[in-house]
Amino acid sequence: MYLEQGPAAHGWVEDQVWTAARVATLIGRKFHISYSVSGATRLMHRLGFSPQVPARRVAERDEQAVTAWKEATWAEVKEPGRPAEATSASRTKPGSPDGRPKDEPGAGAAAPRS
């Protein structure tokens, strides 16, 4: 089976995971059939495979430099989060605790209609 040979055997040497897009491309190359990515996903599940998403990292990434930057610089530039106290998602002004003020229309008994 082509999938058991691994991605490198079919030209993908940057990482060793089968993605649905790669499987769809492989099916097209080997069988001259057009498969969609979602169709390749369903086919892989039927065969017992699960598609993987490759990590998008630079091969030259320096993990020690990244860790040092996170510890030294990120703490300084990171904005503080929202306060822990209860807040409202509404942008409107909160209502008065007593309801409507006494001198506002409608505060008293209903006025008779004329």
C-alpha atoms as a PDB file:
ATOM      1  CA  MET A   1       0.000   0.000   0.000  1.00  0.00           C
ATOM      2  CA  TYR A   2       1.327   3.431  -0.929  1.00  0.00           C
ATOM      3  CA  LEU A   3       0.517   5.042   2.418  1.00  0.00           C
ATOM      4  CA  GLU A   4       2.567   2.486   4.334  1.00  0.00           C
ATOM      5  CA  GLN A   5       5.655   3.516   2.328  1.00  0.00           C
ATOM      6  CA  GLY A   6       5.465   6.948   3.950  1.00  0.00           C
ATOM      7  CA  PRO A   7       5.393  10.461   2.501  1.00  0.00           C
ATOM      8  CA  ALA A   8       9.158  10.570   1.789  1.00  0.00           C
ATOM      9  CA  ALA A   9       8.837   7.679  -0.658  1.00  0.00           C
ATOM     10  CA  HIS A  10       6.471   9.856  -2.696  1.00  0.00           C
ATOM     11  CA  GLY A  11       8.392  13.130  -2.605  1.00  0.00           C
ATOM     12  CA  TRP A  12       7.398  14.797   0.686  1.00  0.00           C
ATOM     13  CA  VAL A  13      10.650  14.875   2.629  1.00  0.00           C
ATOM     14  CA  GLU A  14      10.030  17.900   4.865  1.00  0.00           C
ATOM     15  CA  ASP A  15       8.044  15.848   7.417  1.00  0.00           C
ATOM     16  CA  GLN A  16       6.659  12.362   7.764  1.00  0.00           C
ATOM     17  CA  VAL A  17       2.911  12.861   8.094  1.00  0.00           C
ATOM     18  CA  TRP A  18       0.148  12.116   5.665  1.00  0.00           C
ATOM     19  CA  THR A  19      -2.278  15.004   5.282  1.00  0.00           C
ATOM     20  CA  ALA A  20      -5.554  14.674   3.438  1.00  0.00           C
ATOM     21  CA  ALA A  21      -4.243  17.042   0.754  1.00  0.00           C
ATOM     22  CA  ARG A  22      -1.184  14.840   0.232  1.00  0.00           C
ATOM     23  CA  VAL A  23      -3.316  11.709   0.017  1.00  0.00           C
ATOM     24  CA  ALA A  24      -5.582  13.384  -2.554  1.00  0.00           C
ATOM     25  CA  THR A  25      -2.482  14.358  -4.575  1.00  0.00           C
ATOM     26  CA  LEU A  26      -1.061  10.827  -4.311  1.00  0.00           C
ATOM     27  CA  ILE A  27      -4.341   9.304  -5.513  1.00  0.00           C
ATOM     28  CA  GLY A  28      -4.277  11.642  -8.494  1.00  0.00           C
ATOM     29  CA  ARG A  29      -0.662  10.749  -9.325  1.00  0.00           C
ATOM     30  CA  LYS A  30      -1.040   6.978  -8.989  1.00  0.00           C
ATOM     31  CA  PHE A  31      -4.579   6.370 -10.242  1.00  0.00           C
ATOM     32  CA  HIS A  32      -5.274   9.441 -12.403  1.00  0.00           C
ATOM     33  CA  ILE A  33      -8.440  10.142 -10.409  1.00  0.00           C
ATOM     34  CA  SER A  34      -9.358  13.528  -8.959  1.00  0.00           C
ATOM     35  CA  TYR A  35     -10.169  13.327  -5.248  1.00  0.00           C
ATOM     36  CA  SER A  36     -11.207  16.214  -3.043  1.00  0.00           C
ATOM     37  CA  VAL A  37      -9.487  16.768   0.292  1.00  0.00           C
ATOM     38  CA  SER A  38     -12.685  15.886   2.161  1.00  0.00           C
ATOM     39  CA  GLY A  39     -13.069  12.731   0.034  1.00  0.00           C
ATOM     40  CA  ALA A  40      -9.490  11.744   0.845  1.00  0.00           C
ATOM     41  CA  THR A  41     -10.224  12.321   4.549  1.00  0.00           C
ATOM     42  CA  ARG A  42     -13.224   9.982   4.433  1.00  0.00           C
ATOM     43  CA  LEU A  43     -11.213   7.375   2.520  1.00  0.00           C
ATOM     44  CA  MET A  44      -8.361   7.551   5.032  1.00  0.00           C
ATOM     45  CA  HIS A  45     -10.781   7.045   7.930  1.00  0.00           C
ATOM     46  CA  ARG A  46     -12.260   3.974   6.226  1.00  0.00           C
ATOM     47  CA  LEU A  47      -8.740   2.563   5.871  1.00  0.00           C
ATOM     48  CA  GLY A  48      -7.938   3.245   9.536  1.00  0.00           C
ATOM     49  CA  PHE A  49      -5.709   6.287   9.021  1.00  0.00           C
ATOM     50  CA  SER A  50      -6.202   9.696  10.546  1.00  0.00           C
ATOM     51  CA  PRO A  51      -4.946  12.738   8.612  1.00  0.00           C
ATOM     52  CA  GLN A  52      -2.314  14.823  10.344  1.00  0.00           C
ATOM     53  CA  VAL A  53      -1.509  18.504  10.013  1.00  0.00           C
ATOM     54  CA  PRO A  54       2.232  19.168   9.756  1.00  0.00           C
ATOM     55  CA  ALA A  55       3.808  21.567  12.232  1.00  0.00           C
ATOM     56  CA  ARG A  56       4.599  24.846  10.495  1.00  0.00           C
ATOM     57  CA  ARG A  57       8.028  25.526  11.936  1.00  0.00           C
ATOM     58  CA  VAL A  58      11.219  26.703  10.374  1.00  0.00           C
ATOM     59  CA  ALA A  59      13.895  24.008  10.212  1.00  0.00           C
ATOM     60  CA  GLU A  60      16.464  26.479  11.599  1.00  0.00           C
ATOM     61  CA  ARG A  61      14.355  27.355  14.652  1.00  0.00           C
ATOM     62  CA  ASP A  62      16.466  27.887  17.776  1.00  0.00           C
ATOM     63  CA  GLU A  63      14.368  26.604  20.693  1.00  0.00           C
ATOM     64  CA  GLN A  64      16.731  28.050  23.328  1.00  0.00           C
ATOM     65  CA  ALA A  65      16.471  31.534  21.798  1.00  0.00           C
ATOM     66  CA  VAL A  66      12.663  31.247  21.651  1.00  0.00           C
ATOM     67  CA  THR A  67      12.500  30.203  25.308  1.00  0.00           C
ATOM     68  CA  ALA A  68      14.827  33.029  26.375  1.00  0.00           C
ATOM     69  CA  TRP A  69      12.746  35.568  24.432  1.00  0.00           C
ATOM     70  CA  LYS A  70       9.511  34.324  26.012  1.00  0.00           C
ATOM     71  CA  GLU A  71      10.932  34.586  29.505  1.00  0.00           C
ATOM     72  CA  ALA A  72      12.703  37.952  29.106  1.00  0.00           C
ATOM     73  CA  THR A  73      10.791  39.969  26.527  1.00  0.00           C
ATOM     74  CA  TRP A  74       7.258  38.583  26.298  1.00  0.00           C
ATOM     75  CA  ALA A  75       6.456  39.326  29.938  1.00  0.00           C
ATOM     76  CA  GLU A  76       7.379  42.985  29.340  1.00  0.00           C
ATOM     77  CA  VAL A  77       5.372  43.529  26.149  1.00  0.00           C
ATOM     78  CA  LYS A  78       2.327  41.430  26.967  1.00  0.00           C
ATOM     79  CA  GLU A  79      -0.668  43.604  27.790  1.00  0.00           C
ATOM     80  CA  PRO A  80      -2.394  42.906  31.072  1.00  0.00           C
ATOM     81  CA  GLY A  81      -5.622  40.962  30.811  1.00  0.00           C
ATOM     82  CA  ARG A  82      -9.073  42.085  31.855  1.00  0.00           C
ATOM     83  CA  PRO A  83      -9.660  42.604  35.568  1.00  0.00           C
ATOM     84  CA  ALA A  84     -10.877  39.607  37.517  1.00  0.00           C
ATOM     85  CA  GLU A  85     -13.972  41.390  38.851  1.00  0.00           C
ATOM     86  CA  ALA A  86     -17.323  40.844  37.198  1.00  0.00           C
ATOM     87  CA  THR A  87     -17.744  42.894  34.067  1.00  0.00           C
ATOM     88  CA  SER A  88     -20.484  43.305  31.555  1.00  0.00           C
ATOM     89  CA  ALA A  89     -20.161  42.542  27.877  1.00  0.00           C
ATOM     90  CA  SER A  90     -22.708  45.282  27.177  1.00  0.00           C
ATOM     91  CA  ARG A  91     -21.478  48.694  26.034  1.00  0.00           C
ATOM     92  CA  THR A  92     -24.556  50.419  27.432  1.00  0.00           C
ATOM     93  CA  LYS A  93     -24.594  52.393  30.646  1.00  0.00           C
ATOM     94  CA  PRO A  94     -25.642  50.247  33.596  1.00  0.00           C
ATOM     95  CA  GLY A  95     -29.096  51.019  35.014  1.00  0.00           C
ATOM     96  CA  SER A  96     -29.563  52.893  38.248  1.00  0.00           C
ATOM     97  CA  PRO A  97     -29.968  50.691  41.297  1.00  0.00           C
ATOM     98  CA  ASP A  98     -33.406  52.094  42.111  1.00  0.00           C
ATOM     99  CA  GLY A  99     -34.797  51.803  38.606  1.00  0.00           C
ATOM    100  CA  ARG A 100     -36.021  55.030  37.011  1.00  0.00           C
ATOM    101  CA  PRO A 101     -35.531  58.308  38.847  1.00  0.00           C
ATOM    102  CA  LYS A 102     -38.711  59.663  40.420  1.00  0.00           C
ATOM    103  CA  ASP A 103     -38.863  62.758  38.182  1.00  0.00           C
ATOM    104  CA  GLU A 104     -38.675  60.819  34.892  1.00  0.00           C
ATOM    105  CA  PRO A 105     -41.824  60.265  32.832  1.00  0.00           C
ATOM    106  CA  GLY A 106     -43.497  57.003  33.635  1.00  0.00           C
ATOM    107  CA  ALA A 107     -42.033  56.853  37.129  1.00  0.00           C
ATOM    108  CA  GLY A 108     -45.363  57.272  38.863  1.00  0.00           C
ATOM    109  CA  ALA A 109     -48.782  55.872  38.193  1.00  0.00           C
ATOM    110  CA  ALA A 110     -49.886  55.524  34.604  1.00  0.00           C
ATOM    111  CA  ALA A 111     -51.219  58.785  33.229  1.00  0.00           C
ATOM    112  CA  PRO A 112     -54.714  58.634  31.745  1.00  0.00           C
ATOM    113  CA  ARG A 113     -54.862  58.710  27.955  1.00  0.00           C
ATOM    114  CA  SER A 114     -56.717  61.537  26.316  1.00  0.00           C
END
